[in-house]
């Protein structure tokens, strides 16, 4: 019947429109990641960033974040998120503007949609705001890690593993409560030219699934920024090995 053909054509056109819209949205967020990563690299090791990071850890209203997380978790039936990151610019009035979620899923997109109801500590700096990447606990709302934080587990702004990529944001995998085993997990990261991890594939592992999934979740939030003058046209595959011992995680170089 002709009406069936018309419906099919309309559905195909609608699907194409959705794909194009999703592609544009992904492209916009990737461009934003690239811009923010470059800004974070410039500000991440300064005294202003260290002071602001301390303020974020101490002063973010975890109860408000936890309430939003509970609402978003109820609205999304996917896998429970242990941690997630938001990358954006903190306005001078303490609002995190247009944050990009890492990883990108229904839960994190829900959190992004509600961020205008959260007020953060006022940032340092100028009229353009302050670039930040913040990792949150997905259930308590606490701040776990902020771009620029020093970590004993991972080297900052250095070559990690077999990659020559300077990582600017590397949240450590969260060790499950009561986990006391010694084990290793290796993963392959597919990283696009804009510095976003597109895919994480577990490789060899001696860890139980809970720890392996914690590694995959954390690695999906990593960001790198290329050095000035370098340009990568294609995605790159990078292998990293995480070692777990005495409740701590390190990247094995």
C-alpha atoms as a PDB file:
ATOM      1  CA  UNK A   1       0.000   0.000   0.000  1.00  0.00           C
ATOM      2  CA  UNK A   2       1.093   3.536  -0.740  1.00  0.00           C
ATOM      3  CA  UNK A   3       0.503   4.713   2.834  1.00  0.00           C
ATOM      4  CA  UNK A   4       2.862   2.023   4.120  1.00  0.00           C
ATOM      5  CA  UNK A   5       5.566   3.237   1.759  1.00  0.00           C
ATOM      6  CA  UNK A   6       4.973   6.803   2.877  1.00  0.00           C
ATOM      7  CA  UNK A   7       5.202   5.807   6.557  1.00  0.00           C
ATOM      8  CA  UNK A   8       8.369   3.824   5.896  1.00  0.00           C
ATOM      9  CA  UNK A   9       9.905   6.762   4.057  1.00  0.00           C
ATOM     10  CA  UNK A  10       8.946   9.127   6.860  1.00  0.00           C
ATOM     11  CA  UNK A  11      10.412   6.822   9.473  1.00  0.00           C
ATOM     12  CA  UNK A  12      13.631   6.491   7.490  1.00  0.00           C
ATOM     13  CA  UNK A  13      13.851  10.270   7.112  1.00  0.00           C
ATOM     14  CA  UNK A  14      13.136  10.755  10.813  1.00  0.00           C
ATOM     15  CA  UNK A  15      15.822   8.204  11.709  1.00  0.00           C
ATOM     16  CA  UNK A  16      18.310   9.993   9.467  1.00  0.00           C
ATOM     17  CA  UNK A  17      17.462  13.301  11.139  1.00  0.00           C
ATOM     18  CA  UNK A  18      18.019  11.757  14.553  1.00  0.00           C
ATOM     19  CA  UNK A  19      21.368  10.310  13.475  1.00  0.00           C
ATOM     20  CA  UNK A  20      22.449  13.674  12.088  1.00  0.00           C
ATOM     21  CA  UNK A  21      21.349  15.435  15.289  1.00  0.00           C
ATOM     22  CA  UNK A  22      23.213  12.900  17.432  1.00  0.00           C
ATOM     23  CA  UNK A  23      26.307  13.262  15.266  1.00  0.00           C
ATOM     24  CA  UNK A  24      26.183  17.058  15.577  1.00  0.00           C
ATOM     25  CA  UNK A  25      25.744  16.806  19.349  1.00  0.00           C
ATOM     26  CA  UNK A  26      28.674  14.397  19.622  1.00  0.00           C
ATOM     27  CA  UNK A  27      30.802  16.641  17.441  1.00  0.00           C
ATOM     28  CA  UNK A  28      29.944  19.692  19.523  1.00  0.00           C
ATOM     29  CA  UNK A  29      30.763  17.935  22.789  1.00  0.00           C
ATOM     30  CA  UNK A  30      34.030  16.608  21.350  1.00  0.00           C
ATOM     31  CA  UNK A  31      35.045  20.100  20.254  1.00  0.00           C
ATOM     32  CA  UNK A  32      34.147  21.373  23.716  1.00  0.00           C
ATOM     33  CA  UNK A  33      36.217  18.604  25.343  1.00  0.00           C
ATOM     34  CA  UNK A  34      39.205  19.581  23.207  1.00  0.00           C
ATOM     35  CA  UNK A  35      38.890  23.265  24.105  1.00  0.00           C
ATOM     36  CA  UNK A  36      38.378  22.590  27.810  1.00  0.00           C
ATOM     37  CA  UNK A  37      41.255  20.089  27.945  1.00  0.00           C
ATOM     38  CA  UNK A  38      43.616  22.732  26.547  1.00  0.00           C
ATOM     39  CA  UNK A  39      42.405  25.262  29.129  1.00  0.00           C
ATOM     40  CA  UNK A  40      42.648  22.735  31.981  1.00  0.00           C
ATOM     41  CA  UNK A  41      46.210  21.926  30.990  1.00  0.00           C
ATOM     42  CA  UNK A  42      47.149  25.610  31.331  1.00  0.00           C
ATOM     43  CA  UNK A  43      45.459  26.131  34.703  1.00  0.00           C
ATOM     44  CA  UNK A  44      45.664  22.648  36.229  1.00  0.00           C
ATOM     45  CA  UNK A  45      49.029  22.941  37.981  1.00  0.00           C
ATOM     46  CA  UNK A  46      48.706  26.478  39.348  1.00  0.00           C
ATOM     47  CA  UNK A  47      48.102  27.663  42.891  1.00  0.00           C
ATOM     48  CA  UNK A  48      44.648  29.006  41.988  1.00  0.00           C
ATOM     49  CA  UNK A  49      43.549  25.572  40.777  1.00  0.00           C
ATOM     50  CA  UNK A  50      44.906  23.862  43.896  1.00  0.00           C
ATOM     51  CA  UNK A  51      43.009  26.281  46.135  1.00  0.00           C
ATOM     52  CA  UNK A  52      39.811  25.908  44.107  1.00  0.00           C
ATOM     53  CA  UNK A  53      40.088  22.124  44.048  1.00  0.00           C
ATOM     54  CA  UNK A  54      40.343  22.090  47.843  1.00  0.00           C
ATOM     55  CA  UNK A  55      37.257  24.294  48.023  1.00  0.00           C
ATOM     56  CA  UNK A  56      35.303  21.972  45.717  1.00  0.00           C
ATOM     57  CA  UNK A  57      36.198  18.908  47.791  1.00  0.00           C
ATOM     58  CA  UNK A  58      35.124  20.617  50.998  1.00  0.00           C
ATOM     59  CA  UNK A  59      32.154  22.732  49.973  1.00  0.00           C
ATOM     60  CA  UNK A  60      30.109  21.013  47.250  1.00  0.00           C
ATOM     61  CA  UNK A  61      26.664  20.230  48.656  1.00  0.00           C
ATOM     62  CA  UNK A  62      26.779  16.428  48.498  1.00  0.00           C
ATOM     63  CA  UNK A  63      23.191  16.122  49.780  1.00  0.00           C
ATOM     64  CA  UNK A  64      21.866  18.089  46.792  1.00  0.00           C
ATOM     65  CA  UNK A  65      23.970  16.050  44.370  1.00  0.00           C
ATOM     66  CA  UNK A  66      22.841  12.803  46.011  1.00  0.00           C
ATOM     67  CA  UNK A  67      19.192  13.804  45.632  1.00  0.00           C
ATOM     68  CA  UNK A  68      19.700  14.472  41.920  1.00  0.00           C
ATOM     69  CA  UNK A  69      21.574  11.182  41.518  1.00  0.00           C
ATOM     70  CA  UNK A  70      18.726   9.257  43.124  1.00  0.00           C
ATOM     71  CA  UNK A  71      16.199  10.897  40.807  1.00  0.00           C
ATOM     72  CA  UNK A  72      18.315  10.225  37.712  1.00  0.00           C
ATOM     73  CA  UNK A  73      19.003   6.655  38.802  1.00  0.00           C
ATOM     74  CA  UNK A  74      15.270   6.004  39.206  1.00  0.00           C
ATOM     75  CA  UNK A  75      14.588   7.463  35.764  1.00  0.00           C
ATOM     76  CA  UNK A  76      17.236   5.312  34.036  1.00  0.00           C
ATOM     77  CA  UNK A  77      17.188   1.540  34.264  1.00  0.00           C
ATOM     78  CA  UNK A  78      20.669   0.990  32.899  1.00  0.00           C
ATOM     79  CA  UNK A  79      23.677  -0.272  34.889  1.00  0.00           C
ATOM     80  CA  UNK A  80      24.255   1.516  38.192  1.00  0.00           C
ATOM     81  CA  UNK A  81      26.906   4.212  37.899  1.00  0.00           C
ATOM     82  CA  UNK A  82      29.569   4.172  40.617  1.00  0.00           C
ATOM     83  CA  UNK A  83      31.333   7.343  39.476  1.00  0.00           C
ATOM     84  CA  UNK A  84      30.966   9.920  36.722  1.00  0.00           C
ATOM     85  CA  UNK A  85      32.638  13.143  35.607  1.00  0.00           C
ATOM     86  CA  UNK A  86      31.384  16.507  34.403  1.00  0.00           C
ATOM     87  CA  UNK A  87      33.653  18.718  32.290  1.00  0.00           C
ATOM     88  CA  UNK A  88      32.734  22.346  31.796  1.00  0.00           C
ATOM     89  CA  UNK A  89      33.307  25.971  32.685  1.00  0.00           C
ATOM     90  CA  UNK A  90      32.435  27.211  36.169  1.00  0.00           C
ATOM     91  CA  UNK A  91      30.794  30.595  35.824  1.00  0.00           C
ATOM     92  CA  UNK A  92      31.631  33.390  38.217  1.00  0.00           C
ATOM     93  CA  UNK A  93      28.246  32.861  39.912  1.00  0.00           C
ATOM     94  CA  UNK A  94      29.083  29.215  40.710  1.00  0.00           C
ATOM     95  CA  UNK A  95      27.034  27.544  37.950  1.00  0.00           C
ATOM     96  CA  UNK A  96      28.680  24.778  35.888  1.00  0.00           C
ATOM     97  CA  UNK A  97      27.729  25.726  32.340  1.00  0.00           C
ATOM     98  CA  UNK A  98      26.916  23.181  29.618  1.00  0.00           C
ATOM     99  CA  UNK A  99      28.994  20.365  31.161  1.00  0.00           C
ATOM    100  CA  UNK A 100      30.002  17.371  29.043  1.00  0.00           C
ATOM    101  CA  UNK A 101      29.328  14.072  30.868  1.00  0.00           C
ATOM    102  CA  UNK A 102      31.867  11.249  31.055  1.00  0.00           C
ATOM    103  CA  UNK A 103      30.867   8.548  30.385  1.00  0.00           C
ATOM    104  CA  UNK A 104      27.949   9.611  28.208  1.00  0.00           C
ATOM    105  CA  UNK A 105      24.811   7.643  29.110  1.00  0.00           C
ATOM    106  CA  UNK A 106      21.208   8.170  30.188  1.00  0.00           C
ATOM    107  CA  UNK A 107      22.122   8.727  33.831  1.00  0.00           C
ATOM    108  CA  UNK A 108      24.860  11.293  33.177  1.00  0.00           C
ATOM    109  CA  UNK A 109      22.759  13.145  30.594  1.00  0.00           C
ATOM    110  CA  UNK A 110      20.024  13.374  33.226  1.00  0.00           C
ATOM    111  CA  UNK A 111      22.536  14.854  35.676  1.00  0.00           C
ATOM    112  CA  UNK A 112      23.664  17.407  33.099  1.00  0.00           C
ATOM    113  CA  UNK A 113      20.073  18.485  32.548  1.00  0.00           C
ATOM    114  CA  UNK A 114      19.736  19.240  36.268  1.00  0.00           C
ATOM    115  CA  UNK A 115      23.050  21.014  36.844  1.00  0.00           C
ATOM    116  CA  UNK A 116      21.529  24.485  36.600  1.00  0.00           C
ATOM    117  CA  UNK A 117      19.857  23.778  39.952  1.00  0.00           C
ATOM    118  CA  UNK A 118      23.228  23.252  41.687  1.00  0.00           C
ATOM    119  CA  UNK A 119      25.419  26.105  42.926  1.00  0.00           C
ATOM    120  CA  UNK A 120      29.129  25.394  43.335  1.00  0.00           C
ATOM    121  CA  UNK A 121      31.787  27.390  45.218  1.00  0.00           C
ATOM    122  CA  UNK A 122      32.669  30.549  43.324  1.00  0.00           C
ATOM    123  CA  UNK A 123      35.690  30.025  41.062  1.00  0.00           C
ATOM    124  CA  UNK A 124      38.838  32.103  40.773  1.00  0.00           C
ATOM    125  CA  UNK A 125      39.784  33.960  37.701  1.00  0.00           C
ATOM    126  CA  UNK A 126      38.460  36.187  35.036  1.00  0.00           C
ATOM    127  CA  UNK A 127      35.284  37.108  33.237  1.00  0.00           C
ATOM    128  CA  UNK A 128      35.289  33.881  31.221  1.00  0.00           C
ATOM    129  CA  UNK A 129      34.936  31.537  34.170  1.00  0.00           C
ATOM    130  CA  UNK A 130      37.166  28.635  35.183  1.00  0.00           C
ATOM    131  CA  UNK A 131      37.642  25.304  33.320  1.00  0.00           C
ATOM    132  CA  UNK A 132      37.070  22.208  35.464  1.00  0.00           C
ATOM    133  CA  UNK A 133      36.637  18.469  35.284  1.00  0.00           C
ATOM    134  CA  UNK A 134      35.065  16.981  38.412  1.00  0.00           C
ATOM    135  CA  UNK A 135      34.494  13.335  39.292  1.00  0.00           C
ATOM    136  CA  UNK A 136      31.564  12.563  41.596  1.00  0.00           C
ATOM    137  CA  UNK A 137      30.548   9.528  43.582  1.00  0.00           C
ATOM    138  CA  UNK A 138      27.446   8.255  41.782  1.00  0.00           C
ATOM    139  CA  UNK A 139      25.554   7.519  44.997  1.00  0.00           C
ATOM    140  CA  UNK A 140      26.735   9.868  47.744  1.00  0.00           C
ATOM    141  CA  UNK A 141      27.223  12.984  45.623  1.00  0.00           C
ATOM    142  CA  UNK A 142      30.710  13.568  47.042  1.00  0.00           C
ATOM    143  CA  UNK A 143      33.504  15.048  44.951  1.00  0.00           C
ATOM    144  CA  UNK A 144      36.154  12.358  44.410  1.00  0.00           C
ATOM    145  CA  UNK A 145      38.633  14.015  42.072  1.00  0.00           C
ATOM    146  CA  UNK A 146      39.164  17.376  40.389  1.00  0.00           C
ATOM    147  CA  UNK A 147      41.380  18.142  37.397  1.00  0.00           C
ATOM    148  CA  UNK A 148      44.749  19.259  38.710  1.00  0.00           C
ATOM    149  CA  UNK A 149      44.646  17.143  41.878  1.00  0.00           C
ATOM    150  CA  UNK A 150      47.885  15.391  42.740  1.00  0.00           C
ATOM    151  CA  UNK A 151      47.698  11.614  42.781  1.00  0.00           C
ATOM    152  CA  UNK A 152      50.267   9.146  44.010  1.00  0.00           C
ATOM    153  CA  UNK A 153      48.641   6.456  41.928  1.00  0.00           C
ATOM    154  CA  UNK A 154      49.102   8.080  38.539  1.00  0.00           C
ATOM    155  CA  UNK A 155      51.755  10.388  37.074  1.00  0.00           C
ATOM    156  CA  UNK A 156      50.369  13.741  35.932  1.00  0.00           C
ATOM    157  CA  UNK A 157      51.173  15.115  32.496  1.00  0.00           C
ATOM    158  CA  UNK A 158      53.529  12.260  31.707  1.00  0.00           C
ATOM    159  CA  UNK A 159      53.607   9.411  29.248  1.00  0.00           C
ATOM    160  CA  UNK A 160      51.486   6.577  30.584  1.00  0.00           C
ATOM    161  CA  UNK A 161      51.887   3.031  29.340  1.00  0.00           C
ATOM    162  CA  UNK A 162      52.692   2.688  25.657  1.00  0.00           C
ATOM    163  CA  UNK A 163      51.181   6.042  24.782  1.00  0.00           C
ATOM    164  CA  UNK A 164      52.866   9.357  24.094  1.00  0.00           C
ATOM    165  CA  UNK A 165      49.641  11.129  24.986  1.00  0.00           C
ATOM    166  CA  UNK A 166      49.730  13.742  27.783  1.00  0.00           C
ATOM    167  CA  UNK A 167      46.687  12.987  29.931  1.00  0.00           C
ATOM    168  CA  UNK A 168      45.175  15.980  31.704  1.00  0.00           C
ATOM    169  CA  UNK A 169      42.408  14.200  33.608  1.00  0.00           C
ATOM    170  CA  UNK A 170      42.927  10.712  35.021  1.00  0.00           C
ATOM    171  CA  UNK A 171      40.508   9.721  37.814  1.00  0.00           C
ATOM    172  CA  UNK A 172      41.673   6.584  39.608  1.00  0.00           C
ATOM    173  CA  UNK A 173      39.438   3.491  39.508  1.00  0.00           C
ATOM    174  CA  UNK A 174      37.431   3.203  42.693  1.00  0.00           C
ATOM    175  CA  UNK A 175      38.295   0.093  44.702  1.00  0.00           C
ATOM    176  CA  UNK A 176      35.133  -1.719  45.860  1.00  0.00           C
ATOM    177  CA  UNK A 177      34.467  -1.639  49.601  1.00  0.00           C
ATOM    178  CA  UNK A 178      36.278  -4.418  51.453  1.00  0.00           C
ATOM    179  CA  UNK A 179      38.383  -5.375  48.414  1.00  0.00           C
ATOM    180  CA  UNK A 180      41.753  -6.668  49.619  1.00  0.00           C
ATOM    181  CA  UNK A 181      43.057  -8.730  46.710  1.00  0.00           C
ATOM    182  CA  UNK A 182      46.188  -8.123  44.658  1.00  0.00           C
ATOM    183  CA  UNK A 183      45.418  -8.242  40.946  1.00  0.00           C
ATOM    184  CA  UNK A 184      45.901  -6.608  37.551  1.00  0.00           C
ATOM    185  CA  UNK A 185      43.553  -5.383  34.828  1.00  0.00           C
ATOM    186  CA  UNK A 186      44.643  -4.281  31.366  1.00  0.00           C
ATOM    187  CA  UNK A 187      42.350  -2.368  29.029  1.00  0.00           C
ATOM    188  CA  UNK A 188      42.453  -0.984  25.519  1.00  0.00           C
ATOM    189  CA  UNK A 189      41.253   2.591  25.130  1.00  0.00           C
ATOM    190  CA  UNK A 190      40.050   3.997  21.832  1.00  0.00           C
ATOM    191  CA  UNK A 191      40.696   7.747  22.033  1.00  0.00           C
ATOM    192  CA  UNK A 192      39.423  10.165  19.404  1.00  0.00           C
ATOM    193  CA  UNK A 193      41.460  13.138  18.084  1.00  0.00           C
ATOM    194  CA  UNK A 194      39.673  15.459  20.515  1.00  0.00           C
ATOM    195  CA  UNK A 195      40.969  13.568  23.551  1.00  0.00           C
ATOM    196  CA  UNK A 196      37.796  11.755  24.545  1.00  0.00           C
ATOM    197  CA  UNK A 197      37.844   8.038  25.304  1.00  0.00           C
ATOM    198  CA  UNK A 198      35.257   6.547  22.970  1.00  0.00           C
ATOM    199  CA  UNK A 199      35.510   2.933  24.019  1.00  0.00           C
ATOM    200  CA  UNK A 200      37.135   0.821  26.724  1.00  0.00           C
ATOM    201  CA  UNK A 201      37.717  -2.881  26.079  1.00  0.00           C
ATOM    202  CA  UNK A 202      38.978  -5.091  28.935  1.00  0.00           C
ATOM    203  CA  UNK A 203      41.935  -7.255  27.984  1.00  0.00           C
ATOM    204  CA  UNK A 204      43.792  -9.534  30.407  1.00  0.00           C
ATOM    205  CA  UNK A 205      42.604  -9.532  34.013  1.00  0.00           C
ATOM    206  CA  UNK A 206      43.275 -11.370  37.270  1.00  0.00           C
ATOM    207  CA  UNK A 207      40.735  -9.214  39.118  1.00  0.00           C
ATOM    208  CA  UNK A 208      37.115 -10.078  39.874  1.00  0.00           C
ATOM    209  CA  UNK A 209      34.415  -8.473  37.757  1.00  0.00           C
ATOM    210  CA  UNK A 210      33.643  -5.718  40.282  1.00  0.00           C
ATOM    211  CA  UNK A 211      37.197  -4.373  40.125  1.00  0.00           C
ATOM    212  CA  UNK A 212      37.399  -4.844  36.367  1.00  0.00           C
ATOM    213  CA  UNK A 213      34.227  -2.817  35.886  1.00  0.00           C
ATOM    214  CA  UNK A 214      35.597  -0.076  38.174  1.00  0.00           C
ATOM    215  CA  UNK A 215      38.665   0.173  35.919  1.00  0.00           C
ATOM    216  CA  UNK A 216      36.530   0.343  32.768  1.00  0.00           C
ATOM    217  CA  UNK A 217      34.307   3.044  34.277  1.00  0.00           C
ATOM    218  CA  UNK A 218      37.221   5.212  35.417  1.00  0.00           C
ATOM    219  CA  UNK A 219      39.183   4.829  32.177  1.00  0.00           C
ATOM    220  CA  UNK A 220      36.127   5.927  30.188  1.00  0.00           C
ATOM    221  CA  UNK A 221      36.411   9.310  31.950  1.00  0.00           C
ATOM    222  CA  UNK A 222      40.041  10.015  31.030  1.00  0.00           C
ATOM    223  CA  UNK A 223      40.934  13.009  28.826  1.00  0.00           C
ATOM    224  CA  UNK A 224      44.140  13.900  27.026  1.00  0.00           C
ATOM    225  CA  UNK A 225      45.217  16.980  25.123  1.00  0.00           C
ATOM    226  CA  UNK A 226      47.761  16.968  22.336  1.00  0.00           C
ATOM    227  CA  UNK A 227      50.807  19.177  22.598  1.00  0.00           C
ATOM    228  CA  UNK A 228      50.733  22.380  20.497  1.00  0.00           C
ATOM    229  CA  UNK A 229      51.547  21.727  16.857  1.00  0.00           C
ATOM    230  CA  UNK A 230      50.601  18.035  16.932  1.00  0.00           C
ATOM    231  CA  UNK A 231      47.557  16.735  15.138  1.00  0.00           C
ATOM    232  CA  UNK A 232      45.907  13.321  15.080  1.00  0.00           C
ATOM    233  CA  UNK A 233      43.410  12.664  12.324  1.00  0.00           C
ATOM    234  CA  UNK A 234      42.253   9.256  13.521  1.00  0.00           C
ATOM    235  CA  UNK A 235      41.359   7.595  16.789  1.00  0.00           C
ATOM    236  CA  UNK A 236      44.228   5.954  18.632  1.00  0.00           C
ATOM    237  CA  UNK A 237      44.263   2.677  20.538  1.00  0.00           C
ATOM    238  CA  UNK A 238      46.137   2.727  23.841  1.00  0.00           C
ATOM    239  CA  UNK A 239      46.748  -0.182  26.207  1.00  0.00           C
ATOM    240  CA  UNK A 240      46.976   0.500  29.946  1.00  0.00           C
ATOM    241  CA  UNK A 241      47.518  -1.903  32.829  1.00  0.00           C
ATOM    242  CA  UNK A 242      46.137  -1.122  36.276  1.00  0.00           C
ATOM    243  CA  UNK A 243      47.568  -2.875  39.309  1.00  0.00           C
ATOM    244  CA  UNK A 244      45.620  -3.200  42.567  1.00  0.00           C
ATOM    245  CA  UNK A 245      47.365  -3.828  45.871  1.00  0.00           C
ATOM    246  CA  UNK A 246      46.386  -3.094  49.479  1.00  0.00           C
ATOM    247  CA  UNK A 247      43.329  -1.185  48.366  1.00  0.00           C
ATOM    248  CA  UNK A 248      45.286   1.152  46.070  1.00  0.00           C
ATOM    249  CA  UNK A 249      45.422   1.366  42.291  1.00  0.00           C
ATOM    250  CA  UNK A 250      48.436   2.242  40.168  1.00  0.00           C
ATOM    251  CA  UNK A 251      49.138   2.305  36.463  1.00  0.00           C
ATOM    252  CA  UNK A 252      51.966  -0.110  35.704  1.00  0.00           C
ATOM    253  CA  UNK A 253      54.396   1.740  33.443  1.00  0.00           C
END
